[in-house]
Amino acid sequence: MYAVVEIGGHQYRVSEGDVLFVDKQSDETDQELTFERVMLINDEGNVTVGKPTVEGASVEATLLDNVKSDKIIVFKKKRRKGYRVKRGHRQPKSHIKISSIAVSGTNGQAEETATVSTDLSAKEAIQHIEDTDIEDLQGFVPGDEDRVTVLDAWNTKQEG
C-alpha cells in the first residue's frame, strides 16, 4: 500500500516505514504528525484518486530529527563593475518516518457512480440521451418527460 501525500507544498510517494526528508515541520522531535492532504491511495491494485484529495484519508508520521540540507551557494556578479557577492544558504529540513496510511469510511474504495464522458459531440449526446433509461438521466430530464434533446435539457438546467 502506498499513497501520494502533499507535505509542505511538495508531493511525495510514501509507504509505511519510509524515511524521508521534508520541509521543516516542528521544533519538537519524536512528535506524531498527521498529513490530511492525500492525493492518491493504491491499496494492492485498488486505486483511489482524490478530487483534489481523498476524503477521510490521512498519513501518520513520526518526526525523527530536524537537520539542515546541503549548502547552496548563491553567487552574483556584474561584469566590468567590480560587483561580486557570494552568499550561502542551508534549508532546514525535518527527518520523518511514515508510521501508517489510514483510509476511514470508504476502506480504500471510491464510491462508484455512472459517469458519461463530457467529450461527446452533439450527435453522440443526443444518441446517449435517447438510448439511456429515464432513471439514469437524473438531473437532465424533467420528471414529466420521457425523452429530451440536448437543447431541451440545457434550457431546463438554465431555468432551474
Protein backbone atom coordinates (compact mmCIF):
# COMPACT_ATOMS: atom_id res chain seq x y z
CA MET A 1 0.00 0.00 0.00
CA TYR A 2 1.28 3.44 -0.90
CA ALA A 3 -0.06 6.98 -1.05
CA VAL A 4 0.79 10.28 -2.68
CA VAL A 5 0.68 12.97 0.00
CA GLU A 6 1.33 16.71 -0.02
CA ILE A 7 3.76 17.84 2.67
CA GLY A 8 4.95 21.44 2.76
CA GLY A 9 3.85 22.18 -0.80
CA HIS A 10 5.61 19.14 -2.27
CA GLN A 11 4.10 15.79 -3.24
CA TYR A 12 5.72 12.56 -2.03
CA ARG A 13 5.00 8.89 -2.77
CA VAL A 14 5.11 7.19 0.63
CA SER A 15 4.62 3.70 2.05
CA GLU A 16 4.57 2.50 5.65
CA GLY A 17 8.07 2.51 7.10
CA ASP A 18 9.53 5.03 4.62
CA VAL A 19 12.02 7.56 5.97
CA LEU A 20 12.31 10.86 4.13
CA PHE A 21 13.39 14.48 4.42
CA VAL A 22 10.69 17.16 4.05
CA ASP A 23 10.47 20.89 4.74
CA LYS A 24 10.72 21.70 8.45
CA GLN A 25 7.52 20.78 10.29
CA SER A 26 8.08 21.42 14.01
CA ASP A 27 10.81 22.05 16.58
CA GLU A 28 9.93 19.09 18.82
CA THR A 29 11.40 15.69 17.99
CA ASP A 30 9.55 12.37 18.48
CA GLN A 31 6.31 14.18 17.71
CA GLU A 32 3.44 12.48 15.86
CA LEU A 33 2.47 14.30 12.66
CA THR A 34 -0.73 13.83 10.63
CA PHE A 35 -0.96 14.82 6.98
CA GLU A 36 -4.53 15.17 5.65
CA ARG A 37 -3.79 16.18 2.04
CA VAL A 38 -3.66 12.71 0.48
CA MET A 39 -3.91 12.88 -3.32
CA LEU A 40 -3.91 9.16 -4.17
CA ILE A 41 -4.02 5.79 -2.42
CA ASN A 42 -3.06 2.46 -4.00
CA ASP A 43 -4.15 -0.48 -1.87
CA GLU A 44 -2.94 -3.62 -3.70
CA GLY A 45 -4.32 -2.52 -7.06
CA ASN A 46 -7.38 -0.65 -5.74
CA VAL A 47 -6.50 2.91 -6.71
CA THR A 48 -8.40 5.83 -5.17
CA VAL A 49 -7.71 9.21 -6.73
CA GLY A 50 -8.84 12.34 -4.92
CA LYS A 51 -10.51 15.35 -6.45
CA PRO A 52 -8.22 17.01 -5.32
CA THR A 53 -7.83 14.98 -2.11
CA VAL A 54 -9.15 11.63 -0.89
CA GLU A 55 -11.88 12.21 1.72
CA GLY A 56 -11.11 10.78 5.17
CA ALA A 57 -7.59 9.65 4.27
CA SER A 58 -4.55 10.58 6.33
CA VAL A 59 -0.90 9.69 6.71
CA GLU A 60 0.66 9.37 10.16
CA ALA A 61 4.38 10.09 10.63
CA THR A 62 6.90 10.48 13.43
CA LEU A 63 9.34 13.40 13.46
CA LEU A 64 12.79 11.89 13.98
CA ASP A 65 15.05 14.94 13.79
CA ASN A 66 15.48 18.45 12.39
CA VAL A 67 18.55 18.94 10.19
CA LYS A 68 19.91 21.35 7.62
CA SER A 69 20.29 20.38 3.97
CA ASP A 70 23.45 20.83 1.94
CA LYS A 71 24.66 24.38 1.41
CA ILE A 72 23.52 26.18 -1.70
CA ILE A 73 25.94 28.84 -2.95
CA VAL A 74 24.39 32.00 -4.41
CA PHE A 75 26.97 33.99 -6.39
CA LYS A 76 26.08 37.31 -8.01
CA LYS A 77 28.33 39.24 -10.37
CA LYS A 78 28.03 42.19 -12.72
CA ARG A 79 30.77 42.25 -15.27
CA ARG A 80 33.09 45.24 -15.56
CA LYS A 81 31.58 46.83 -12.43
CA GLY A 82 33.60 45.18 -9.68
CA TYR A 83 30.41 43.78 -8.13
CA ARG A 84 30.68 40.29 -6.67
CA VAL A 85 28.62 38.84 -3.81
CA LYS A 86 28.90 35.28 -2.53
CA ARG A 87 26.28 34.01 -0.09
CA GLY A 88 25.30 30.57 1.13
CA HIS A 89 22.06 29.08 2.35
CA ARG A 90 21.13 25.86 4.18
CA GLN A 91 17.43 24.96 4.11
CA PRO A 92 16.03 23.49 7.36
CA LYS A 93 14.56 20.00 6.87
CA SER A 94 12.66 17.51 9.01
CA HIS A 95 13.60 13.83 9.03
CA ILE A 96 10.33 11.86 9.29
CA LYS A 97 9.29 8.21 9.30
CA ILE A 98 5.89 7.18 7.92
CA SER A 99 4.08 5.04 10.51
CA SER A 100 0.71 4.39 8.86
CA ILE A 101 -1.61 5.22 5.98
CA ALA A 102 -5.26 5.38 7.03
CA VAL A 103 -8.42 5.46 4.93
CA SER A 104 -11.53 5.91 7.05
CA GLY A 105 -15.05 5.03 5.97
CA THR A 106 -14.51 4.01 2.35
CA ASN A 107 -11.81 1.43 3.16
CA GLY A 108 -9.83 2.47 0.10
CA GLN A 109 -12.78 2.01 -2.28
CA ALA A 110 -14.11 5.00 -4.17
CA GLU A 111 -17.87 5.25 -4.46
CA GLU A 112 -18.74 4.12 -7.97
CA THR A 113 -21.04 6.32 -9.94
CA ALA A 114 -22.09 6.09 -13.55
CA THR A 115 -20.37 8.85 -15.45
CA VAL A 116 -20.57 9.90 -19.05
CA SER A 117 -17.66 11.46 -20.85
CA THR A 118 -18.02 15.19 -21.40
CA ASP A 119 -16.14 14.87 -24.68
CA LEU A 120 -19.29 13.86 -26.59
CA SER A 121 -20.32 15.62 -29.76
CA ALA A 122 -23.90 16.89 -30.00
CA LYS A 123 -24.99 13.88 -32.07
CA GLU A 124 -23.41 11.44 -29.60
CA ALA A 125 -25.03 13.26 -26.66
CA ILE A 126 -28.47 13.11 -28.28
CA GLN A 127 -27.97 9.42 -29.01
CA HIS A 128 -26.88 8.81 -25.41
CA ILE A 129 -29.96 10.58 -24.04
CA GLU A 130 -32.27 8.66 -26.37
CA ASP A 131 -30.70 5.28 -25.52
CA THR A 132 -30.50 5.74 -21.73
CA ASP A 133 -33.36 4.94 -19.36
CA ILE A 134 -35.11 7.87 -17.70
CA GLU A 135 -33.94 6.83 -14.21
CA ASP A 136 -30.29 7.00 -15.31
CA LEU A 137 -30.63 10.58 -16.58
CA GLN A 138 -31.36 12.21 -13.23
CA GLY A 139 -30.69 15.92 -13.30
CA PHE A 140 -31.01 16.24 -17.09
CA VAL A 141 -34.55 15.05 -17.70
CA PRO A 142 -37.58 16.82 -16.26
CA GLY A 143 -39.83 14.46 -14.33
CA ASP A 144 -42.83 14.71 -16.69
CA GLU A 145 -40.97 13.89 -19.96
CA ASP A 146 -39.83 10.53 -21.29
CA ARG A 147 -37.08 11.73 -23.64
CA VAL A 148 -35.49 15.10 -24.27
CA THR A 149 -32.98 16.62 -26.60
CA VAL A 150 -29.71 18.17 -25.53
CA LEU A 151 -31.11 21.66 -26.15
CA ASP A 152 -34.21 20.96 -24.03
CA ALA A 153 -32.05 19.57 -21.22
CA TRP A 154 -29.77 22.62 -21.37
CA ASN A 155 -32.70 25.06 -21.28
CA THR A 156 -34.28 23.22 -18.35
CA LYS A 157 -30.98 23.36 -16.42
CA GLN A 158 -30.67 27.11 -17.09
CA GLU A 159 -34.22 27.85 -15.90
CA GLY A 160 -33.98 25.76 -12.73
